[in-house]
Protein backbone atom coordinates (compact mmCIF):
# COMPACT_ATOMS: atom_id res chain seq x y z
CA MET A 1 -128.43 79.78 -4.71
CA PHE A 2 -131.37 78.62 -7.20
CA ALA A 3 -131.51 74.83 -7.34
CA LEU A 4 -131.87 74.24 -10.88
CA PRO A 5 -134.25 71.33 -11.98
CA PHE A 6 -131.50 68.60 -12.63
CA PHE A 7 -130.22 68.19 -8.75
CA ARG A 8 -133.68 67.46 -8.02
CA GLN A 9 -133.60 64.81 -10.21
CA PRO A 10 -132.35 61.36 -9.71
CA LYS A 11 -128.48 61.04 -9.37
CA PRO A 12 -126.64 61.14 -12.48
CA THR A 13 -124.16 58.12 -13.57
CA LEU A 14 -121.60 58.51 -15.90
CA ALA A 15 -119.73 55.85 -18.01
CA GLY A 16 -116.80 56.05 -19.82
CA GLN A 17 -115.17 53.05 -21.54
CA LYS A 18 -112.16 52.34 -18.03
CA VAL A 19 -114.58 53.95 -15.11
CA THR A 20 -117.84 55.12 -14.00
CA LEU A 21 -118.78 57.65 -12.01
CA ARG A 22 -121.77 58.11 -9.90
CA PRO A 23 -122.43 60.38 -6.46
CA PRO A 24 -121.55 59.01 -3.22
CA VAL A 25 -123.80 56.38 -0.81
CA THR A 26 -123.91 55.87 2.76
CA SER A 27 -122.44 52.20 2.02
CA ASP A 28 -119.72 53.59 -0.09
CA TYR A 29 -118.09 54.10 3.23
CA GLY A 30 -116.08 51.04 4.27
CA GLN A 31 -114.52 50.86 -0.09
CA TRP A 32 -113.65 54.76 1.24
CA ALA A 33 -112.01 54.76 4.25
CA ALA A 34 -110.22 51.66 2.77
CA LEU A 35 -108.43 53.42 -0.53
CA ARG A 36 -108.19 56.42 1.33
CA ARG A 37 -106.02 55.51 3.95
CA GLU A 38 -103.54 53.42 1.94
CA SER A 39 -103.58 56.63 -0.62
CA GLN A 40 -102.72 58.64 1.92
CA HIS A 41 -98.54 59.18 2.12
CA PHE A 42 -99.96 59.89 -2.45
CA LEU A 43 -102.14 62.35 -1.42
CA SER A 44 -101.54 63.84 1.26
CA PRO A 45 -98.88 66.53 -0.62
CA TRP A 46 -101.76 68.00 -2.59
CA GLU A 47 -104.16 67.48 -0.12
CA PRO A 48 -105.52 69.99 2.75
CA LYS A 49 -103.99 68.59 5.75
CA TRP A 50 -106.10 65.90 7.37
CA ALA A 51 -108.01 66.08 10.20
CA ALA A 52 -107.17 63.37 13.04
CA ASP A 53 -110.28 61.95 12.51
CA GLU A 54 -110.71 62.32 8.75
CA LEU A 55 -111.39 58.02 7.28
CA ASP A 56 -114.20 57.86 10.52
CA ARG A 57 -117.63 57.20 9.85
CA GLY A 58 -119.08 60.76 11.49
CA ALA A 59 -116.42 61.92 9.54
CA TRP A 60 -117.97 60.15 6.16
CA ARG A 61 -121.52 60.72 7.76
CA GLN A 62 -121.30 65.22 7.46
CA ARG A 63 -119.70 64.31 4.63
CA MET A 64 -122.75 63.29 3.00
CA ARG A 65 -125.34 66.22 4.21
CA ARG A 66 -122.48 68.60 3.00
CA TYR A 67 -123.00 66.76 -0.88
CA ARG A 68 -126.60 66.69 0.17
CA GLU A 69 -127.04 70.18 0.79
CA GLU A 70 -124.68 71.33 -2.21
CA MET A 71 -126.34 69.21 -4.80
CA ALA A 72 -129.19 69.75 -3.09
CA GLN A 73 -128.47 74.33 -3.82
CA GLY A 74 -127.34 72.98 -6.99
CA SER A 75 -123.75 74.53 -6.11
CA GLY A 76 -121.85 71.33 -5.78
CA ILE A 77 -122.10 67.81 -7.23
CA PRO A 78 -119.84 64.81 -6.10
CA PHE A 79 -118.30 61.16 -8.29
CA LEU A 80 -116.74 58.43 -7.59
CA ILE A 81 -114.53 57.07 -9.43
CA PHE A 82 -114.74 52.86 -9.85
CA GLU A 83 -112.88 50.90 -12.44
CA LYS A 84 -115.69 49.20 -14.92
CA SER A 85 -113.37 46.07 -15.15
CA THR A 86 -114.24 45.32 -11.46
CA GLY A 87 -116.31 47.42 -9.88
CA LYS A 88 -113.97 48.78 -7.61
CA LEU A 89 -113.77 52.10 -6.34
CA ALA A 90 -110.34 54.25 -7.35
CA GLY A 91 -111.19 57.63 -6.50
CA GLY A 92 -112.73 60.91 -7.00
CA ILE A 93 -113.83 63.52 -8.53
CA THR A 94 -116.18 67.29 -8.00
CA LEU A 95 -118.18 69.84 -9.36
CA GLY A 96 -118.11 72.55 -6.86
CA ASN A 97 -118.69 75.92 -6.79
CA ILE A 98 -120.97 75.64 -9.43
CA ARG A 99 -121.98 79.41 -10.37
CA HIS A 100 -125.24 80.23 -12.76
CA GLY A 101 -126.12 84.00 -13.99
CA VAL A 102 -123.84 86.29 -15.89
CA ALA A 103 -121.40 83.52 -14.33
CA GLN A 104 -122.23 79.85 -15.42
CA SER A 105 -118.44 78.01 -14.82
CA GLY A 106 -117.49 76.13 -12.06
CA GLN A 107 -114.39 74.15 -10.59
CA ILE A 108 -113.47 70.59 -10.58
CA GLY A 109 -111.78 69.12 -8.44
CA TYR A 110 -109.78 64.96 -8.12
CA TRP A 111 -108.38 62.22 -6.26
CA MET A 112 -106.71 58.61 -7.04
CA GLY A 113 -106.18 56.04 -5.13
CA VAL A 114 -102.41 55.20 -5.86
CA GLY A 115 -103.25 51.85 -6.82
CA HIS A 116 -104.98 53.25 -9.73
CA ALA A 117 -102.52 56.20 -10.71
CA GLY A 118 -101.53 56.25 -14.33
CA LYS A 119 -104.07 54.06 -16.14
CA GLY A 120 -105.79 56.48 -17.93
CA TYR A 121 -108.89 56.63 -15.81
CA MET A 122 -108.55 60.17 -14.47
CA HIS A 123 -108.11 61.66 -18.04
CA GLU A 124 -112.06 59.71 -18.30
CA ALA A 125 -113.51 61.55 -15.53
CA VAL A 126 -112.23 64.86 -16.03
CA ASP A 127 -113.46 64.65 -20.04
CA LEU A 128 -116.76 62.94 -18.41
CA VAL A 129 -116.82 65.71 -15.93
CA VAL A 130 -116.71 68.71 -18.02
CA ARG A 131 -118.96 66.74 -20.84
CA PHE A 132 -121.76 66.72 -17.89
CA GLY A 133 -120.73 70.01 -16.99
CA PHE A 134 -121.11 71.58 -19.52
CA GLU A 135 -124.13 69.72 -22.20
CA THR A 136 -126.56 69.03 -18.82
CA LEU A 137 -126.02 71.64 -16.44
CA ARG A 138 -125.24 74.59 -19.22
CA LEU A 139 -121.67 75.97 -17.42
CA HIS A 140 -119.76 78.07 -20.07
CA ARG A 141 -116.58 77.78 -18.43
CA ILE A 142 -114.62 75.03 -15.84
CA GLU A 143 -111.33 75.92 -13.87
CA ALA A 144 -108.75 74.03 -12.03
CA ALA A 145 -106.14 74.74 -9.79
CA CYS A 146 -103.07 72.29 -9.04
CA ILE A 147 -100.15 73.36 -7.39
CA PRO A 148 -96.73 73.37 -9.31
CA SER A 149 -94.42 71.36 -8.86
CA ASN A 150 -97.87 68.53 -9.53
CA ASP A 151 -97.15 66.97 -12.85
CA ARG A 152 -99.49 64.10 -12.82
CA SER A 153 -102.68 67.05 -12.40
CA ILE A 154 -100.85 68.93 -14.65
CA ARG A 155 -100.67 65.91 -17.96
CA VAL A 156 -104.42 65.83 -16.63
CA LEU A 157 -106.18 68.79 -17.70
CA GLU A 158 -103.02 69.82 -20.26
CA LYS A 159 -104.43 66.19 -22.76
CA ALA A 160 -107.75 67.05 -21.09
CA GLY A 161 -107.65 70.40 -23.33
CA PHE A 162 -107.31 72.47 -20.36
CA ARG A 163 -105.43 76.25 -20.72
CA ARG A 164 -103.00 77.69 -18.82
CA GLU A 165 -104.11 80.64 -17.39
CA GLY A 166 -101.59 82.40 -14.55
CA LEU A 167 -101.09 81.72 -11.06
CA LEU A 168 -103.16 81.60 -8.06
CA ARG A 169 -100.53 83.51 -5.00
CA SER A 170 -100.87 82.00 -1.83
CA TYR A 171 -103.75 80.06 -3.24
CA LEU A 172 -105.34 77.08 -0.88
CA ARG A 173 -103.60 75.03 1.97
CA ILE A 174 -102.63 72.14 1.50
CA ASN A 175 -100.53 69.87 3.69
CA GLY A 176 -100.30 72.37 6.50
CA ALA A 177 -99.24 75.13 3.71
CA TRP A 178 -100.38 78.17 1.73
CA GLN A 179 -99.68 76.96 -2.17
CA ASP A 180 -99.10 79.09 -4.60
CA HIS A 181 -101.68 77.40 -7.61
CA LEU A 182 -101.87 77.32 -11.34
CA LEU A 183 -105.63 78.35 -13.03
CA TYR A 184 -106.22 76.27 -15.79
CA ALA A 185 -109.36 77.25 -17.27
CA LEU A 186 -111.76 75.07 -20.78
CA ILE A 187 -114.08 77.06 -21.55
CA ALA A 188 -117.62 75.89 -23.56
CA GLY A 189 -116.56 75.70 -27.19
CA ASP A 190 -113.07 75.18 -26.38
CA GLY A 191 -113.03 71.55 -28.38
CA GLY A 192 -112.31 69.02 -25.68
CA SER A 193 -109.76 66.52 -25.15
CA LYS A 194 -106.36 66.76 -27.28
CA GLN A 195 -106.85 63.23 -28.06
CA GLU A 196 -109.93 64.15 -29.36
CA GLN A 197 -108.94 67.04 -31.23
CA GLY A 198 -106.13 64.38 -33.03
């Protein structure tokens, strides 16, 4: 895939009122592993089944290599979410499966550490990434998919202005089983989050 000039520039930092987003670096491993470990029970119903070495340093290095490749190809950009007030890692959000040409689209996926949920961090992170996708990457469409029983995720997406478009049957293998997902999408010019519209 052709790489946008943006992806050859310094890695972006996105700042909101409550959170700061930036791509991960190798030295984030300790914070990332600790937060993922303490949040495993909270996250496992909504994520692919974790590998035995999921939190090992070697698996982190492989993850970092994949991130660098995706950024170099212009196909994805990961961000870690940090509390602005404390600098602590709170979660992660990725804009991936970026396609150009006639599609001009991407997909977001995200996770939040158990102690940071319910504080409005993810809503702000989604807004920041959406703005980045539309304004910096010039995407036309951003999609997200979530399991129908994931009420938290549905609230985040709908508050951010995403519209439900349909049901993707047996879409992703989550926690060891194929799961249906609701498809949400936001189109450039849709008007942003409901909070901003109100």
